[in-house]
Amino acid sequence: LEHPHYTRPQEFEGRQIPEVLVSGNHKKIAAWRRAESERLTRERRPDLLAAHPLAK
């Protein structure tokens, strides 16, 4: 599954976007997106990971 998508403003209804996304560090942003994508997949579609041979 995809990572969460955020837009401006950086704060909306008292909730802020993750600081890493406004840091400008593209390597850290890519790592955060990958981790969030994996977390959401594990949470919502564990069957997709179970079927993947590298999912250990």
PDB file of N, CA and C in Angstrom:
ATOM      1  N   LEU A   1       0.847  -1.187   0.000  1.00  0.00           N
ATOM      2  CA  LEU A   1       0.000   0.000   0.000  1.00  0.00           C
ATOM      3  C   LEU A   1       0.880   1.233   0.000  1.00  0.00           C
ATOM      4  N   GLU A   2       0.322   2.344  -0.420  1.00  0.00           N
ATOM      5  CA  GLU A   2       1.095   3.582  -0.476  1.00  0.00           C
ATOM      6  C   GLU A   2       1.226   4.224   0.896  1.00  0.00           C
ATOM      7  N   HIS A   3       2.212   5.085   0.982  1.00  0.00           N
ATOM      8  CA  HIS A   3       2.433   5.869   2.192  1.00  0.00           C
ATOM      9  C   HIS A   3       1.374   6.960   2.297  1.00  0.00           C
ATOM     10  N   PRO A   4       1.199   7.560   3.487  1.00  0.00           N
ATOM     11  CA  PRO A   4       0.253   8.675   3.616  1.00  0.00           C
ATOM     12  C   PRO A   4       0.710   9.872   2.779  1.00  0.00           C
ATOM     13  N   HIS A   5      -0.237  10.615   2.276  1.00  0.00           N
ATOM     14  CA  HIS A   5       0.062  11.810   1.486  1.00  0.00           C
ATOM     15  C   HIS A   5      -0.384  13.036   2.272  1.00  0.00           C
ATOM     16  N   TYR A   6       0.476  14.030   2.300  1.00  0.00           N
ATOM     17  CA  TYR A   6       0.178  15.265   3.015  1.00  0.00           C
ATOM     18  C   TYR A   6       0.305  16.439   2.062  1.00  0.00           C
ATOM     19  N   THR A   7      -0.344  17.533   2.405  1.00  0.00           N
ATOM     20  CA  THR A   7      -0.261  18.753   1.623  1.00  0.00           C
ATOM     21  C   THR A   7      -0.172  19.929   2.582  1.00  0.00           C
ATOM     22  N   ARG A   8      -0.224  21.092   2.096  1.00  0.00           N
ATOM     23  CA  ARG A   8      -0.168  22.269   2.958  1.00  0.00           C
ATOM     24  C   ARG A   8      -1.551  22.606   3.470  1.00  0.00           C
ATOM     25  N   PRO A   9      -1.688  23.246   4.574  1.00  0.00           N
ATOM     26  CA  PRO A   9      -0.665  23.794   5.457  1.00  0.00           C
ATOM     27  C   PRO A   9       0.002  22.689   6.274  1.00  0.00           C
ATOM     28  N   GLN A  10       1.134  23.025   6.898  1.00  0.00           N
ATOM     29  CA  GLN A  10       1.869  22.041   7.687  1.00  0.00           C
ATOM     30  C   GLN A  10       1.106  21.630   8.938  1.00  0.00           C
ATOM     31  N   GLU A  11       0.174  22.446   9.368  1.00  0.00           N
ATOM     32  CA  GLU A  11      -0.679  22.108  10.504  1.00  0.00           C
ATOM     33  C   GLU A  11      -2.128  22.310  10.080  1.00  0.00           C
ATOM     34  N   PHE A  12      -2.975  21.332  10.385  1.00  0.00           N
ATOM     35  CA  PHE A  12      -4.382  21.405  10.020  1.00  0.00           C
ATOM     36  C   PHE A  12      -5.199  20.803  11.147  1.00  0.00           C
ATOM     37  N   GLU A  13      -6.122  21.570  11.650  1.00  0.00           N
ATOM     38  CA  GLU A  13      -6.989  21.154  12.748  1.00  0.00           C
ATOM     39  C   GLU A  13      -6.183  20.607  13.923  1.00  0.00           C
ATOM     40  N   GLY A  14      -5.074  21.267  14.213  1.00  0.00           N
ATOM     41  CA  GLY A  14      -4.241  20.888  15.343  1.00  0.00           C
ATOM     42  C   GLY A  14      -3.317  19.708  15.097  1.00  0.00           C
ATOM     43  N   ARG A  15      -3.349  19.146  13.908  1.00  0.00           N
ATOM     44  CA  ARG A  15      -2.488  18.007  13.578  1.00  0.00           C
ATOM     45  C   ARG A  15      -1.388  18.471  12.639  1.00  0.00           C
ATOM     46  N   GLN A  16      -0.160  18.065  12.938  1.00  0.00           N
ATOM     47  CA  GLN A  16       0.970  18.463  12.111  1.00  0.00           C
ATOM     48  C   GLN A  16       1.451  17.298  11.259  1.00  0.00           C
ATOM     49  N   ILE A  17       2.024  17.646  10.113  1.00  0.00           N
ATOM     50  CA  ILE A  17       2.612  16.604   9.281  1.00  0.00           C
ATOM     51  C   ILE A  17       3.952  16.211   9.898  1.00  0.00           C
ATOM     52  N   PRO A  18       4.438  15.014   9.629  1.00  0.00           N
ATOM     53  CA  PRO A  18       5.720  14.584  10.180  1.00  0.00           C
ATOM     54  C   PRO A  18       6.853  15.536   9.780  1.00  0.00           C
ATOM     55  N   GLU A  19       7.696  15.838  10.729  1.00  0.00           N
ATOM     56  CA  GLU A  19       8.784  16.800  10.527  1.00  0.00           C
ATOM     57  C   GLU A  19       9.731  16.370   9.405  1.00  0.00           C
ATOM     58  N   VAL A  20       9.924  15.081   9.252  1.00  0.00           N
ATOM     59  CA  VAL A  20      10.841  14.590   8.224  1.00  0.00           C
ATOM     60  C   VAL A  20      10.402  15.042   6.829  1.00  0.00           C
ATOM     61  N   LEU A  21       9.109  15.215   6.616  1.00  0.00           N
ATOM     62  CA  LEU A  21       8.616  15.593   5.289  1.00  0.00           C
ATOM     63  C   LEU A  21       8.925  17.038   4.927  1.00  0.00           C
ATOM     64  N   VAL A  22       9.178  17.871   5.901  1.00  0.00           N
ATOM     65  CA  VAL A  22       9.519  19.267   5.613  1.00  0.00           C
ATOM     66  C   VAL A  22      11.011  19.530   5.811  1.00  0.00           C
ATOM     67  N   SER A  23      11.769  18.478   6.107  1.00  0.00           N
ATOM     68  CA  SER A  23      13.196  18.636   6.390  1.00  0.00           C
ATOM     69  C   SER A  23      14.011  18.935   5.134  1.00  0.00           C
ATOM     70  N   GLY A  24      13.532  18.482   3.976  1.00  0.00           N
ATOM     71  CA  GLY A  24      14.286  18.680   2.745  1.00  0.00           C
ATOM     72  C   GLY A  24      15.289  17.571   2.483  1.00  0.00           C
ATOM     73  N   ASN A  25      15.428  16.628   3.411  1.00  0.00           N
ATOM     74  CA  ASN A  25      16.360  15.517   3.247  1.00  0.00           C
ATOM     75  C   ASN A  25      15.644  14.397   2.496  1.00  0.00           C
ATOM     76  N   HIS A  26      15.915  14.309   1.212  1.00  0.00           N
ATOM     77  CA  HIS A  26      15.181  13.380   0.352  1.00  0.00           C
ATOM     78  C   HIS A  26      15.430  11.916   0.705  1.00  0.00           C
ATOM     79  N   LYS A  27      16.610  11.606   1.190  1.00  0.00           N
ATOM     80  CA  LYS A  27      16.907  10.232   1.591  1.00  0.00           C
ATOM     81  C   LYS A  27      16.064   9.840   2.806  1.00  0.00           C
ATOM     82  N   LYS A  28      15.963  10.723   3.782  1.00  0.00           N
ATOM     83  CA  LYS A  28      15.145  10.443   4.971  1.00  0.00           C
ATOM     84  C   LYS A  28      13.660  10.400   4.617  1.00  0.00           C
ATOM     85  N   ILE A  29      13.240  11.259   3.706  1.00  0.00           N
ATOM     86  CA  ILE A  29      11.835  11.264   3.271  1.00  0.00           C
ATOM     87  C   ILE A  29      11.507   9.935   2.596  1.00  0.00           C
ATOM     88  N   ALA A  30      12.384   9.462   1.730  1.00  0.00           N
ATOM     89  CA  ALA A  30      12.163   8.183   1.047  1.00  0.00           C
ATOM     90  C   ALA A  30      12.109   7.033   2.052  1.00  0.00           C
ATOM     91  N   ALA A  31      12.987   7.060   3.048  1.00  0.00           N
ATOM     92  CA  ALA A  31      12.989   6.011   4.072  1.00  0.00           C
ATOM     93  C   ALA A  31      11.704   6.054   4.889  1.00  0.00           C
ATOM     94  N   TRP A  32      11.242   7.252   5.227  1.00  0.00           N
ATOM     95  CA  TRP A  32       9.989   7.395   5.984  1.00  0.00           C
ATOM     96  C   TRP A  32       8.823   6.863   5.165  1.00  0.00           C
ATOM     97  N   ARG A  33       8.769   7.220   3.892  1.00  0.00           N
ATOM     98  CA  ARG A  33       7.679   6.757   3.029  1.00  0.00           C
ATOM     99  C   ARG A  33       7.674   5.234   2.921  1.00  0.00           C
ATOM    100  N   ARG A  34       8.838   4.648   2.766  1.00  0.00           N
ATOM    101  CA  ARG A  34       8.941   3.183   2.673  1.00  0.00           C
ATOM    102  C   ARG A  34       8.460   2.534   3.972  1.00  0.00           C
ATOM    103  N   ALA A  35       8.917   3.063   5.108  1.00  0.00           N
ATOM    104  CA  ALA A  35       8.527   2.506   6.408  1.00  0.00           C
ATOM    105  C   ALA A  35       7.022   2.631   6.632  1.00  0.00           C
ATOM    106  N   GLU A  36       6.455   3.773   6.272  1.00  0.00           N
ATOM    107  CA  GLU A  36       5.008   3.967   6.435  1.00  0.00           C
ATOM    108  C   GLU A  36       4.229   3.045   5.506  1.00  0.00           C
ATOM    109  N   SER A  37       4.722   2.868   4.301  1.00  0.00           N
ATOM    110  CA  SER A  37       4.072   1.970   3.357  1.00  0.00           C
ATOM    111  C   SER A  37       4.056   0.545   3.900  1.00  0.00           C
ATOM    112  N   GLU A  38       5.190   0.104   4.429  1.00  0.00           N
ATOM    113  CA  GLU A  38       5.267  -1.237   5.010  1.00  0.00           C
ATOM    114  C   GLU A  38       4.374  -1.361   6.238  1.00  0.00           C
ATOM    115  N   ARG A  39       4.362  -0.336   7.084  1.00  0.00           N
ATOM    116  CA  ARG A  39       3.529  -0.362   8.287  1.00  0.00           C
ATOM    117  C   ARG A  39       2.052  -0.474   7.923  1.00  0.00           C
ATOM    118  N   LEU A  40       1.614   0.343   6.971  1.00  0.00           N
ATOM    119  CA  LEU A  40       0.211   0.309   6.566  1.00  0.00           C
ATOM    120  C   LEU A  40      -0.163  -1.027   5.925  1.00  0.00           C
ATOM    121  N   THR A  41       0.747  -1.581   5.149  1.00  0.00           N
ATOM    122  CA  THR A  41       0.476  -2.874   4.524  1.00  0.00           C
ATOM    123  C   THR A  41       0.369  -3.961   5.589  1.00  0.00           C
ATOM    124  N   ARG A  42       1.288  -3.959   6.552  1.00  0.00           N
ATOM    125  CA  ARG A  42       1.232  -4.931   7.652  1.00  0.00           C
ATOM    126  C   ARG A  42      -0.066  -4.802   8.429  1.00  0.00           C
ATOM    127  N   GLU A  43      -0.499  -3.562   8.639  1.00  0.00           N
ATOM    128  CA  GLU A  43      -1.698  -3.278   9.425  1.00  0.00           C
ATOM    129  C   GLU A  43      -2.981  -3.637   8.670  1.00  0.00           C
ATOM    130  N   ARG A  44      -3.046  -3.288   7.400  1.00  0.00           N
ATOM    131  CA  ARG A  44      -4.302  -3.403   6.651  1.00  0.00           C
ATOM    132  C   ARG A  44      -4.376  -4.595   5.700  1.00  0.00           C
ATOM    133  N   ARG A  45      -3.234  -5.044   5.199  1.00  0.00           N
ATOM    134  CA  ARG A  45      -3.228  -6.150   4.224  1.00  0.00           C
ATOM    135  C   ARG A  45      -2.078  -7.118   4.505  1.00  0.00           C
ATOM    136  N   PRO A  46      -2.064  -7.752   5.666  1.00  0.00           N
ATOM    137  CA  PRO A  46      -0.962  -8.676   5.978  1.00  0.00           C
ATOM    138  C   PRO A  46      -0.863  -9.837   4.988  1.00  0.00           C
ATOM    139  N   ASP A  47      -1.958 -10.145   4.321  1.00  0.00           N
ATOM    140  CA  ASP A  47      -1.944 -11.218   3.329  1.00  0.00           C
ATOM    141  C   ASP A  47      -0.981 -10.919   2.178  1.00  0.00           C
ATOM    142  N   LEU A  48      -0.814  -9.650   1.847  1.00  0.00           N
ATOM    143  CA  LEU A  48       0.111  -9.289   0.771  1.00  0.00           C
ATOM    144  C   LEU A  48       1.552  -9.586   1.164  1.00  0.00           C
ATOM    145  N   LEU A  49       1.888  -9.330   2.419  1.00  0.00           N
ATOM    146  CA  LEU A  49       3.246  -9.594   2.877  1.00  0.00           C
ATOM    147  C   LEU A  49       3.487 -11.085   3.056  1.00  0.00           C
ATOM    148  N   ALA A  50       2.483 -11.807   3.505  1.00  0.00           N
ATOM    149  CA  ALA A  50       2.633 -13.250   3.702  1.00  0.00           C
ATOM    150  C   ALA A  50       2.905 -13.954   2.378  1.00  0.00           C
ATOM    151  N   ALA A  51       2.363 -13.434   1.307  1.00  0.00           N
ATOM    152  CA  ALA A  51       2.541 -14.044  -0.008  1.00  0.00           C
ATOM    153  C   ALA A  51       3.873 -13.681  -0.654  1.00  0.00           C
ATOM    154  N   HIS A  52       4.555 -12.686  -0.114  1.00  0.00           N
ATOM    155  CA  HIS A  52       5.810 -12.212  -0.695  1.00  0.00           C
ATOM    156  C   HIS A  52       6.978 -13.006  -0.115  1.00  0.00           C
ATOM    157  N   PRO A  53       7.849 -13.557  -0.951  1.00  0.00           N
ATOM    158  CA  PRO A  53       8.938 -14.409  -0.453  1.00  0.00           C
ATOM    159  C   PRO A  53       9.973 -13.673   0.402  1.00  0.00           C
ATOM    160  N   LEU A  54      10.112 -12.371   0.266  1.00  0.00           N
ATOM    161  CA  LEU A  54      11.104 -11.614   1.036  1.00  0.00           C
ATOM    162  C   LEU A  54      10.503 -10.948   2.264  1.00  0.00           C
ATOM    163  N   ALA A  55       9.326 -11.318   2.650  1.00  0.00           N
ATOM    164  CA  ALA A  55       8.600 -10.625   3.715  1.00  0.00           C
ATOM    165  C   ALA A  55       8.945 -11.132   5.110  1.00  0.00           C
ATOM    166  N   LYS A  56      10.137 -11.527   5.341  1.00  0.00           N
ATOM    167  CA  LYS A  56      10.523 -12.019   6.671  1.00  0.00           C
ATOM    168  C   LYS A  56      11.291 -10.985   7.432  1.00  0.00           C
TER     169      LYS A  56
END
